[in-house]
N, C-alpha and C. Protein backbone atom coordinates (compact mmCIF):
# COMPACT_ATOMS: atom_id res chain seq x y z
N UNK A 1 0.86 -1.17 0.00
CA UNK A 1 0.00 0.00 0.00
C UNK A 1 0.90 1.23 0.00
N UNK A 2 0.79 2.01 -1.01
CA UNK A 2 1.63 3.20 -1.13
C UNK A 2 0.82 4.48 -1.13
N UNK A 3 -0.46 4.39 -1.41
CA UNK A 3 -1.27 5.59 -1.58
C UNK A 3 -1.61 6.20 -0.23
N UNK A 4 -1.23 7.47 0.01
CA UNK A 4 -1.48 8.12 1.30
C UNK A 4 -2.95 8.13 1.70
N UNK A 5 -3.85 8.18 0.71
CA UNK A 5 -5.28 8.21 1.01
C UNK A 5 -5.72 6.91 1.67
N UNK A 6 -5.14 5.78 1.20
CA UNK A 6 -5.50 4.49 1.78
C UNK A 6 -5.07 4.43 3.25
N UNK A 7 -3.87 4.92 3.56
CA UNK A 7 -3.43 4.96 4.95
C UNK A 7 -4.36 5.85 5.76
N UNK A 8 -4.69 7.02 5.23
CA UNK A 8 -5.57 7.95 5.95
C UNK A 8 -6.91 7.32 6.27
N UNK A 9 -7.46 6.59 5.31
CA UNK A 9 -8.75 5.94 5.53
C UNK A 9 -8.64 4.87 6.62
N UNK A 10 -7.57 4.08 6.59
CA UNK A 10 -7.38 3.06 7.62
C UNK A 10 -7.19 3.70 8.99
N UNK A 11 -6.46 4.81 9.03
CA UNK A 11 -6.24 5.49 10.31
C UNK A 11 -7.55 6.03 10.85
N UNK A 12 -8.32 6.66 9.99
CA UNK A 12 -9.62 7.21 10.43
C UNK A 12 -10.54 6.10 10.94
N UNK A 13 -10.59 5.00 10.22
CA UNK A 13 -11.44 3.89 10.64
C UNK A 13 -10.94 3.28 11.95
N UNK A 14 -9.61 3.20 12.11
CA UNK A 14 -9.04 2.69 13.35
C UNK A 14 -9.41 3.60 14.51
N UNK A 15 -9.26 4.91 14.30
CA UNK A 15 -9.60 5.87 15.36
C UNK A 15 -11.09 5.82 15.71
N UNK A 16 -11.90 5.40 14.74
CA UNK A 16 -13.35 5.28 14.98
C UNK A 16 -13.67 3.96 15.69
N UNK A 17 -12.64 3.13 15.93
CA UNK A 17 -12.84 1.91 16.70
C UNK A 17 -12.82 0.62 15.91
N UNK A 18 -12.45 0.67 14.64
CA UNK A 18 -12.45 -0.54 13.80
C UNK A 18 -11.17 -1.35 14.02
N UNK A 19 -11.33 -2.51 14.64
CA UNK A 19 -10.20 -3.41 14.82
C UNK A 19 -9.76 -3.98 13.47
N UNK A 20 -10.71 -4.16 12.55
CA UNK A 20 -10.38 -4.67 11.22
C UNK A 20 -9.47 -3.69 10.49
N UNK A 21 -9.77 -2.38 10.59
CA UNK A 21 -8.94 -1.37 9.93
C UNK A 21 -7.52 -1.38 10.51
N UNK A 22 -7.43 -1.53 11.83
CA UNK A 22 -6.10 -1.57 12.44
C UNK A 22 -5.35 -2.82 11.97
N UNK A 23 -6.06 -3.93 11.82
CA UNK A 23 -5.45 -5.15 11.29
C UNK A 23 -4.94 -4.95 9.87
N UNK A 24 -5.70 -4.23 9.07
CA UNK A 24 -5.27 -3.95 7.70
C UNK A 24 -4.06 -3.02 7.69
N UNK A 25 -4.04 -2.04 8.60
CA UNK A 25 -2.90 -1.14 8.72
C UNK A 25 -1.66 -1.93 9.14
N UNK A 26 -1.85 -2.84 10.07
CA UNK A 26 -0.76 -3.72 10.53
C UNK A 26 -0.23 -4.53 9.34
N UNK A 27 -1.12 -5.18 8.62
CA UNK A 27 -0.71 -6.02 7.48
C UNK A 27 0.01 -5.20 6.40
N UNK A 28 -0.40 -3.96 6.22
CA UNK A 28 0.20 -3.10 5.19
C UNK A 28 1.60 -2.63 5.58
N UNK A 29 1.92 -2.66 6.87
CA UNK A 29 3.18 -2.08 7.34
C UNK A 29 4.14 -3.06 7.99
N UNK A 30 3.68 -4.22 8.41
CA UNK A 30 4.50 -5.12 9.23
C UNK A 30 5.78 -5.55 8.54
N UNK A 31 5.74 -5.79 7.25
CA UNK A 31 6.94 -6.28 6.55
C UNK A 31 8.09 -5.28 6.67
N UNK A 32 7.82 -4.01 6.37
CA UNK A 32 8.88 -3.00 6.46
C UNK A 32 9.31 -2.77 7.91
N UNK A 33 8.34 -2.75 8.81
CA UNK A 33 8.67 -2.53 10.23
C UNK A 33 9.53 -3.66 10.75
N UNK A 34 9.11 -4.89 10.53
CA UNK A 34 9.86 -6.04 11.05
C UNK A 34 11.25 -6.10 10.43
N UNK A 35 11.32 -5.89 9.14
CA UNK A 35 12.62 -5.96 8.46
C UNK A 35 13.57 -4.90 9.01
N UNK A 36 13.07 -3.70 9.23
CA UNK A 36 13.93 -2.63 9.77
C UNK A 36 14.40 -2.98 11.17
N UNK A 37 13.48 -3.39 12.02
CA UNK A 37 13.84 -3.75 13.39
C UNK A 37 14.83 -4.91 13.37
N UNK A 38 14.57 -5.90 12.55
CA UNK A 38 15.42 -7.10 12.52
C UNK A 38 16.84 -6.78 12.09
N UNK A 39 17.00 -5.82 11.20
CA UNK A 39 18.35 -5.43 10.79
C UNK A 39 19.05 -4.60 11.85
N UNK A 40 18.32 -3.88 12.65
CA UNK A 40 18.94 -3.00 13.65
C UNK A 40 19.04 -3.65 15.03
N UNK A 41 18.38 -4.77 15.24
CA UNK A 41 18.44 -5.48 16.52
C UNK A 41 18.79 -6.92 16.21
N UNK A 42 19.95 -7.35 16.66
CA UNK A 42 20.45 -8.65 16.22
C UNK A 42 19.74 -9.84 16.86
N UNK A 43 19.19 -9.69 18.05
CA UNK A 43 18.52 -10.80 18.70
C UNK A 43 17.07 -10.89 18.26
N UNK A 44 16.67 -12.00 17.64
CA UNK A 44 15.32 -12.14 17.09
C UNK A 44 14.25 -11.98 18.17
N UNK A 45 14.46 -12.56 19.34
CA UNK A 45 13.46 -12.45 20.41
C UNK A 45 13.24 -10.99 20.78
N UNK A 46 14.31 -10.24 20.92
CA UNK A 46 14.20 -8.81 21.25
C UNK A 46 13.53 -8.05 20.10
N UNK A 47 13.86 -8.41 18.87
CA UNK A 47 13.25 -7.75 17.72
C UNK A 47 11.74 -7.95 17.73
N UNK A 48 11.32 -9.15 18.03
CA UNK A 48 9.87 -9.42 18.07
C UNK A 48 9.19 -8.64 19.18
N UNK A 49 9.86 -8.52 20.34
CA UNK A 49 9.31 -7.72 21.44
C UNK A 49 9.19 -6.25 21.03
N UNK A 50 10.21 -5.74 20.35
CA UNK A 50 10.20 -4.34 19.92
C UNK A 50 9.09 -4.11 18.91
N UNK A 51 8.91 -5.03 17.97
CA UNK A 51 7.85 -4.89 16.98
C UNK A 51 6.49 -4.84 17.68
N UNK A 52 6.31 -5.68 18.67
CA UNK A 52 5.06 -5.67 19.43
C UNK A 52 4.87 -4.31 20.11
N UNK A 53 5.93 -3.78 20.72
CA UNK A 53 5.85 -2.46 21.36
C UNK A 53 5.56 -1.37 20.34
N UNK A 54 6.14 -1.48 19.16
CA UNK A 54 5.91 -0.49 18.10
C UNK A 54 4.42 -0.43 17.76
N UNK A 55 3.81 -1.58 17.61
CA UNK A 55 2.39 -1.58 17.23
C UNK A 55 1.47 -1.15 18.38
N UNK A 56 1.90 -1.40 19.60
CA UNK A 56 1.11 -0.86 20.73
C UNK A 56 1.24 0.66 20.75
N UNK A 57 2.46 1.16 20.54
CA UNK A 57 2.68 2.61 20.52
C UNK A 57 1.99 3.25 19.32
N UNK A 58 1.99 2.56 18.19
CA UNK A 58 1.30 3.07 17.01
C UNK A 58 -0.18 3.26 17.32
N UNK A 59 -0.78 2.28 17.94
CA UNK A 59 -2.21 2.37 18.28
C UNK A 59 -2.47 3.56 19.21
N UNK A 60 -1.57 3.74 20.20
CA UNK A 60 -1.72 4.87 21.13
C UNK A 60 -1.49 6.21 20.44
N UNK A 61 -0.61 6.24 19.44
CA UNK A 61 -0.18 7.50 18.82
C UNK A 61 -1.00 7.93 17.62
N UNK A 62 -1.82 7.07 17.08
CA UNK A 62 -2.54 7.41 15.85
C UNK A 62 -3.35 8.69 15.97
N UNK A 63 -3.88 8.96 17.14
CA UNK A 63 -4.66 10.18 17.33
C UNK A 63 -3.81 11.44 17.18
N UNK A 64 -2.51 11.32 17.36
CA UNK A 64 -1.60 12.47 17.25
C UNK A 64 -0.95 12.56 15.87
N UNK A 65 -1.25 11.61 14.98
CA UNK A 65 -0.67 11.62 13.65
C UNK A 65 -1.15 12.84 12.88
N UNK A 66 -0.20 13.57 12.30
CA UNK A 66 -0.49 14.76 11.51
C UNK A 66 -0.70 14.33 10.05
N UNK A 67 -1.92 14.40 9.57
CA UNK A 67 -2.26 13.92 8.23
C UNK A 67 -1.57 14.71 7.12
N UNK A 68 -0.96 15.83 7.45
CA UNK A 68 -0.24 16.57 6.41
C UNK A 68 1.12 15.92 6.11
N UNK A 69 1.56 15.02 7.00
CA UNK A 69 2.82 14.29 6.79
C UNK A 69 2.53 12.96 6.12
N UNK A 70 3.51 12.44 5.39
CA UNK A 70 3.35 11.10 4.83
C UNK A 70 3.39 10.09 5.97
N UNK A 71 2.58 9.05 5.87
CA UNK A 71 2.44 8.09 6.96
C UNK A 71 3.67 7.21 7.14
N UNK A 72 4.21 6.65 6.05
CA UNK A 72 5.32 5.70 6.19
C UNK A 72 6.55 6.32 6.86
N UNK A 73 7.00 7.51 6.46
CA UNK A 73 8.12 8.11 7.19
C UNK A 73 7.78 8.41 8.65
N UNK A 74 6.53 8.80 8.92
CA UNK A 74 6.10 9.05 10.30
C UNK A 74 6.20 7.75 11.11
N UNK A 75 5.74 6.65 10.50
CA UNK A 75 5.81 5.35 11.16
C UNK A 75 7.26 4.94 11.40
N UNK A 76 8.14 5.17 10.41
CA UNK A 76 9.56 4.82 10.59
C UNK A 76 10.19 5.64 11.70
N UNK A 77 9.74 6.88 11.87
CA UNK A 77 10.21 7.68 13.00
C UNK A 77 9.83 7.03 14.31
N UNK A 78 8.61 6.54 14.40
CA UNK A 78 8.15 5.83 15.60
C UNK A 78 8.99 4.57 15.81
N UNK A 79 9.27 3.85 14.73
CA UNK A 79 10.09 2.64 14.81
C UNK A 79 11.47 2.98 15.37
N UNK A 80 12.09 4.02 14.83
CA UNK A 80 13.43 4.40 15.30
C UNK A 80 13.42 4.82 16.76
N UNK A 81 12.39 5.54 17.18
CA UNK A 81 12.30 5.94 18.59
C UNK A 81 12.16 4.72 19.50
N UNK A 82 11.42 3.73 19.08
CA UNK A 82 11.26 2.51 19.89
C UNK A 82 12.57 1.73 19.96
N UNK A 83 13.29 1.68 18.85
CA UNK A 83 14.59 0.99 18.86
C UNK A 83 15.56 1.72 19.78
N UNK A 84 15.57 3.05 19.71
CA UNK A 84 16.45 3.81 20.60
C UNK A 84 16.05 3.63 22.06
N UNK A 85 14.75 3.56 22.33
CA UNK A 85 14.29 3.31 23.70
C UNK A 85 14.77 1.94 24.17
N UNK A 86 14.71 0.98 23.30
CA UNK A 86 15.21 -0.37 23.61
C UNK A 86 16.69 -0.31 23.99
N UNK A 87 17.44 0.42 23.20
CA UNK A 87 18.89 0.52 23.46
C UNK A 87 19.16 1.25 24.77
N UNK A 88 18.39 2.30 25.04
CA UNK A 88 18.60 3.06 26.28
C UNK A 88 18.23 2.25 27.51
N UNK A 89 17.24 1.43 27.41
CA UNK A 89 16.80 0.63 28.56
C UNK A 89 17.86 -0.37 28.98
N UNK A 90 18.84 -0.57 28.16
CA UNK A 90 19.94 -1.44 28.55
C UNK A 90 19.64 -2.92 28.34
N UNK A 91 18.68 -3.23 27.47
CA UNK A 91 18.48 -4.64 27.15
C UNK A 91 19.76 -5.14 26.51
N UNK A 92 19.80 -6.34 26.12
CA UNK A 92 21.02 -6.89 25.52
C UNK A 92 21.46 -6.01 24.37
N UNK A 93 22.71 -5.55 24.46
CA UNK A 93 23.25 -4.67 23.40
C UNK A 93 23.70 -5.50 22.20
N UNK A 94 23.89 -4.76 21.13
CA UNK A 94 24.34 -5.44 19.91
C UNK A 94 25.59 -6.26 20.19
N UNK A 95 25.62 -7.46 19.64
CA UNK A 95 26.83 -8.28 19.69
C UNK A 95 27.64 -7.88 18.46
N UNK A 96 28.89 -7.55 18.67
CA UNK A 96 29.66 -7.10 17.51
C UNK A 96 30.36 -8.26 16.84
N UNK A 97 31.64 -8.27 16.88
CA UNK A 97 32.41 -9.22 16.08
C UNK A 97 32.09 -10.68 16.41
N UNK A 98 32.02 -11.00 17.70
CA UNK A 98 31.79 -12.38 18.13
C UNK A 98 30.46 -12.93 17.65
N UNK A 99 29.39 -12.09 17.64
CA UNK A 99 28.06 -12.55 17.30
C UNK A 99 27.63 -12.16 15.88
N UNK A 100 28.45 -11.42 15.16
CA UNK A 100 28.05 -10.93 13.83
C UNK A 100 27.70 -12.07 12.88
N UNK A 101 28.50 -13.11 12.89
CA UNK A 101 28.24 -14.20 11.96
C UNK A 101 26.92 -14.89 12.28
N UNK A 102 26.64 -15.11 13.58
CA UNK A 102 25.38 -15.74 13.96
C UNK A 102 24.20 -14.87 13.55
N UNK A 103 24.31 -13.56 13.77
CA UNK A 103 23.22 -12.65 13.40
C UNK A 103 23.03 -12.65 11.89
N UNK A 104 24.12 -12.65 11.14
CA UNK A 104 24.02 -12.65 9.68
C UNK A 104 23.33 -13.92 9.19
N UNK A 105 23.66 -15.06 9.80
CA UNK A 105 23.02 -16.30 9.40
C UNK A 105 21.53 -16.27 9.70
N UNK A 106 21.16 -15.75 10.87
CA UNK A 106 19.74 -15.66 11.22
C UNK A 106 19.02 -14.72 10.27
N UNK A 107 19.63 -13.57 9.96
CA UNK A 107 18.98 -12.62 9.05
C UNK A 107 18.84 -13.22 7.66
N UNK A 108 19.89 -13.91 7.19
CA UNK A 108 19.81 -14.52 5.87
C UNK A 108 18.68 -15.55 5.86
N UNK A 109 18.52 -16.27 6.94
CA UNK A 109 17.46 -17.27 7.02
C UNK A 109 16.09 -16.60 7.06
N UNK A 110 15.94 -15.53 7.83
CA UNK A 110 14.67 -14.84 7.96
C UNK A 110 14.23 -14.19 6.65
N UNK A 111 15.15 -13.64 5.91
CA UNK A 111 14.82 -12.85 4.73
C UNK A 111 15.58 -13.35 3.52
N UNK A 112 15.76 -14.62 3.41
CA UNK A 112 16.67 -15.18 2.42
C UNK A 112 16.61 -14.48 1.07
N UNK A 113 15.47 -14.45 0.43
CA UNK A 113 15.40 -13.87 -0.91
C UNK A 113 15.69 -12.40 -0.93
N UNK A 114 15.08 -11.64 -0.02
CA UNK A 114 15.25 -10.19 -0.03
C UNK A 114 16.67 -9.78 0.33
N UNK A 115 17.25 -10.43 1.32
CA UNK A 115 18.61 -10.06 1.72
C UNK A 115 19.58 -10.41 0.61
N UNK A 116 19.40 -11.56 0.01
CA UNK A 116 20.31 -11.94 -1.06
C UNK A 116 20.19 -10.95 -2.21
N UNK A 117 18.97 -10.50 -2.51
CA UNK A 117 18.78 -9.54 -3.59
C UNK A 117 19.45 -8.20 -3.28
N UNK A 118 19.26 -7.71 -2.07
CA UNK A 118 19.73 -6.35 -1.74
C UNK A 118 21.13 -6.32 -1.15
N UNK A 119 21.47 -7.31 -0.38
CA UNK A 119 22.81 -7.38 0.20
C UNK A 119 23.35 -8.78 -0.12
N UNK A 120 23.68 -8.99 -1.38
CA UNK A 120 23.97 -10.34 -1.86
C UNK A 120 25.28 -10.90 -1.33
N UNK A 121 26.08 -10.11 -0.74
CA UNK A 121 27.38 -10.54 -0.30
C UNK A 121 27.38 -10.70 1.21
N UNK A 122 27.62 -11.91 1.70
CA UNK A 122 27.61 -12.17 3.15
C UNK A 122 28.62 -11.29 3.88
N UNK A 123 29.78 -11.10 3.29
CA UNK A 123 30.80 -10.25 3.92
C UNK A 123 30.28 -8.82 4.06
N UNK A 124 29.57 -8.35 3.04
CA UNK A 124 29.00 -7.00 3.10
C UNK A 124 27.95 -6.92 4.21
N UNK A 125 27.11 -7.93 4.31
CA UNK A 125 26.10 -7.96 5.36
C UNK A 125 26.75 -7.92 6.74
N UNK A 126 27.80 -8.69 6.91
CA UNK A 126 28.51 -8.69 8.20
C UNK A 126 29.15 -7.33 8.45
N UNK A 127 29.71 -6.72 7.42
CA UNK A 127 30.33 -5.41 7.58
C UNK A 127 29.29 -4.36 7.97
N UNK A 128 28.13 -4.39 7.34
CA UNK A 128 27.05 -3.45 7.69
C UNK A 128 26.63 -3.69 9.13
N UNK A 129 26.54 -4.95 9.52
CA UNK A 129 26.13 -5.29 10.88
C UNK A 129 27.13 -4.79 11.92
N UNK A 130 28.38 -4.59 11.53
CA UNK A 130 29.41 -4.13 12.46
C UNK A 130 29.54 -2.61 12.51
N UNK A 131 28.83 -1.90 11.66
CA UNK A 131 28.89 -0.44 11.68
C UNK A 131 28.33 0.09 13.00
N UNK A 132 28.79 1.26 13.44
CA UNK A 132 28.17 1.89 14.60
C UNK A 132 26.68 2.11 14.31
N UNK A 133 25.87 2.06 15.35
CA UNK A 133 24.41 2.10 15.20
C UNK A 133 23.94 3.27 14.34
N UNK A 134 24.45 4.47 14.56
CA UNK A 134 23.98 5.64 13.80
C UNK A 134 24.25 5.50 12.31
N UNK A 135 25.36 4.87 11.96
CA UNK A 135 25.69 4.66 10.55
C UNK A 135 24.87 3.51 9.98
N UNK A 136 24.74 2.46 10.76
CA UNK A 136 23.96 1.30 10.33
C UNK A 136 22.51 1.71 10.06
N UNK A 137 21.99 2.57 10.91
CA UNK A 137 20.62 3.06 10.79
C UNK A 137 20.37 3.69 9.42
N UNK A 138 21.24 4.61 9.01
CA UNK A 138 21.02 5.29 7.74
C UNK A 138 21.24 4.37 6.56
N UNK A 139 22.18 3.43 6.67
CA UNK A 139 22.42 2.47 5.60
C UNK A 139 21.18 1.59 5.40
N UNK A 140 20.62 1.09 6.49
CA UNK A 140 19.43 0.23 6.40
C UNK A 140 18.26 1.02 5.81
N UNK A 141 18.04 2.23 6.31
CA UNK A 141 16.91 3.03 5.81
C UNK A 141 17.09 3.41 4.34
N UNK A 142 18.32 3.77 3.95
CA UNK A 142 18.54 4.24 2.59
C UNK A 142 18.64 3.10 1.57
N UNK A 143 19.49 2.13 1.87
CA UNK A 143 19.77 1.10 0.87
C UNK A 143 18.85 -0.10 0.95
N UNK A 144 18.34 -0.44 2.13
CA UNK A 144 17.45 -1.58 2.23
C UNK A 144 15.99 -1.15 2.12
N UNK A 145 15.62 -0.11 2.87
CA UNK A 145 14.23 0.35 2.85
C UNK A 145 13.96 1.36 1.72
N UNK A 146 15.01 1.85 1.09
CA UNK A 146 14.94 2.75 -0.06
C UNK A 146 14.26 4.09 0.25
N UNK A 147 14.50 4.62 1.45
CA UNK A 147 14.02 5.96 1.77
C UNK A 147 15.01 6.97 1.21
N UNK A 148 14.50 8.13 0.80
CA UNK A 148 15.37 9.19 0.32
C UNK A 148 16.11 9.79 1.52
N UNK A 149 17.15 10.54 1.24
CA UNK A 149 17.89 11.19 2.32
C UNK A 149 16.99 12.17 3.07
N UNK A 150 16.11 12.85 2.36
CA UNK A 150 15.19 13.80 2.99
C UNK A 150 14.23 13.06 3.92
N UNK A 151 13.73 11.91 3.48
CA UNK A 151 12.83 11.12 4.32
C UNK A 151 13.54 10.61 5.56
N UNK A 152 14.79 10.19 5.40
CA UNK A 152 15.58 9.70 6.54
C UNK A 152 15.76 10.83 7.55
N UNK A 153 16.04 12.03 7.06
CA UNK A 153 16.19 13.17 7.97
C UNK A 153 14.91 13.39 8.77
N UNK A 154 13.76 13.26 8.11
CA UNK A 154 12.48 13.43 8.81
C UNK A 154 12.25 12.29 9.79
N UNK A 155 12.55 11.07 9.38
CA UNK A 155 12.34 9.90 10.24
C UNK A 155 13.18 10.00 11.51
N UNK A 156 14.46 10.33 11.34
CA UNK A 156 15.38 10.37 12.48
C UNK A 156 15.38 11.73 13.19
N UNK A 157 14.67 12.68 12.60
CA UNK A 157 14.59 14.04 13.16
C UNK A 157 15.99 14.64 13.34
N UNK A 158 16.77 14.55 12.24
CA UNK A 158 18.11 15.12 12.21
C UNK A 158 18.23 15.92 10.91
N UNK A 159 19.21 16.84 10.84
CA UNK A 159 19.39 17.63 9.62
C UNK A 159 19.78 16.75 8.42
N UNK A 160 19.39 17.18 7.24
CA UNK A 160 19.71 16.48 6.01
C UNK A 160 21.23 16.32 5.87
N UNK A 161 21.99 17.35 6.22
CA UNK A 161 23.45 17.28 6.14
C UNK A 161 24.02 16.16 7.01
N UNK A 162 23.40 15.92 8.15
CA UNK A 162 23.85 14.85 9.04
C UNK A 162 23.59 13.49 8.39
N UNK A 163 22.45 13.35 7.75
CA UNK A 163 22.14 12.10 7.04
C UNK A 163 23.19 11.86 5.96
N UNK A 164 23.47 12.90 5.18
CA UNK A 164 24.46 12.76 4.10
C UNK A 164 25.83 12.39 4.65
N UNK A 165 26.23 13.04 5.74
CA UNK A 165 27.56 12.75 6.29
C UNK A 165 27.61 11.35 6.90
N UNK A 166 26.49 10.88 7.48
CA UNK A 166 26.48 9.52 8.02
C UNK A 166 26.54 8.48 6.91
N UNK A 167 25.82 8.72 5.82
CA UNK A 167 25.89 7.78 4.69
C UNK A 167 27.31 7.76 4.13
N UNK A 168 27.90 8.94 3.98
CA UNK A 168 29.27 9.03 3.48
C UNK A 168 30.24 8.29 4.41
N UNK A 169 30.11 8.52 5.72
CA UNK A 169 30.99 7.86 6.70
C UNK A 169 30.80 6.35 6.66
N UNK A 170 29.54 5.90 6.54
CA UNK A 170 29.27 4.46 6.49
C UNK A 170 29.92 3.84 5.26
N UNK A 171 29.77 4.50 4.12
CA UNK A 171 30.36 3.96 2.89
C UNK A 171 31.88 3.95 2.97
N UNK A 172 32.46 4.98 3.58
CA UNK A 172 33.92 5.02 3.76
C UNK A 172 34.38 3.84 4.62
N UNK A 173 33.66 3.60 5.73
CA UNK A 173 34.03 2.49 6.62
C UNK A 173 33.90 1.15 5.90
N UNK A 174 32.85 1.01 5.12
CA UNK A 174 32.66 -0.24 4.38
C UNK A 174 33.76 -0.43 3.34
N UNK A 175 34.15 0.66 2.67
CA UNK A 175 35.24 0.56 1.69
C UNK A 175 36.55 0.18 2.38
N UNK A 176 36.84 0.83 3.52
CA UNK A 176 38.09 0.51 4.25
C UNK A 176 38.07 -0.94 4.71
N UNK A 177 36.94 -1.41 5.18
CA UNK A 177 36.82 -2.80 5.63
C UNK A 177 37.06 -3.74 4.46
N UNK A 178 36.48 -3.40 3.31
CA UNK A 178 36.66 -4.22 2.11
C UNK A 178 38.13 -4.27 1.71
N UNK A 179 38.80 -3.12 1.72
CA UNK A 179 40.23 -3.07 1.37
C UNK A 179 41.05 -3.89 2.35
N UNK A 180 40.74 -3.79 3.65
CA UNK A 180 41.47 -4.55 4.66
C UNK A 180 41.28 -6.05 4.45
N UNK A 181 40.07 -6.46 4.08
CA UNK A 181 39.80 -7.87 3.82
C UNK A 181 40.60 -8.37 2.63
N UNK A 182 40.69 -7.55 1.57
CA UNK A 182 41.45 -7.93 0.38
C UNK A 182 42.93 -8.10 0.73
N UNK A 183 43.46 -7.17 1.52
CA UNK A 183 44.87 -7.26 1.93
C UNK A 183 45.10 -8.52 2.74
N UNK A 184 44.19 -8.83 3.67
CA UNK A 184 44.32 -10.02 4.50
C UNK A 184 44.28 -11.29 3.65
N UNK A 185 43.39 -11.33 2.68
CA UNK A 185 43.29 -12.51 1.80
C UNK A 185 44.58 -12.67 1.02
N UNK A 186 45.15 -11.56 0.51
CA UNK A 186 46.42 -11.64 -0.23
C UNK A 186 47.54 -12.17 0.66
N UNK A 187 47.58 -11.73 1.92
CA UNK A 187 48.62 -12.20 2.85
C UNK A 187 48.49 -13.71 3.07
N UNK A 188 47.26 -14.16 3.25
CA UNK A 188 47.03 -15.60 3.47
C UNK A 188 47.43 -16.36 2.22
N UNK A 189 47.04 -15.87 1.04
CA UNK A 189 47.41 -16.54 -0.22
C UNK A 189 48.92 -16.57 -0.39
N UNK A 190 49.59 -15.46 -0.09
CA UNK A 190 51.05 -15.39 -0.20
C UNK A 190 51.73 -16.37 0.74
N UNK A 191 51.18 -16.49 1.96
CA UNK A 191 51.76 -17.39 2.93
C UNK A 191 51.63 -18.84 2.48
N UNK A 192 50.55 -19.18 1.82
CA UNK A 192 50.33 -20.55 1.36
C UNK A 192 51.14 -20.86 0.10
N UNK A 193 51.48 -19.84 -0.67
CA UNK A 193 52.27 -20.06 -1.89
C UNK A 193 53.75 -20.22 -1.59
N UNK A 194 54.21 -19.69 -0.45
CA UNK A 194 55.64 -19.75 -0.12
C UNK A 194 56.08 -21.12 0.30
């Protein structure tokens, strides 16, 4: 569902008390919400809890939704705030190097076709997973969810220039990681040839 009018109608019906309309709104948005949360939270159990909290907060917040704004970026803002709340509460923090491979395997299993299509390289997926959260956030929103830089700025409530600099920094880190991996592979190959 991409048409803003369809979202508005579902929101109005939900606010009028229609559980069916809220179910339709849930079905129209769950894929993007779950995928975003799953990429930003490595533990599946925690991701599922956060998704549940997101939809409870969505139900509570619909009355405050400003219909002059697009719904999907507004919803992604709510998603990001819930993820940040999760991180602040001190639940299990992201596992970095030690757990990256396990998280990548779980994500590949959860989204096999989509992840392979968009992040076809396992090493790239692991490298994205190891980025600092603020950089990982913009990479997931821009390259996986395909939000524009302007939409990301609205979602995260940060200046457009900050979004651009975070995307640039993330790409630089990924390039450096890729170069380091190539050098390491060459060293291993050289050692085996000697």
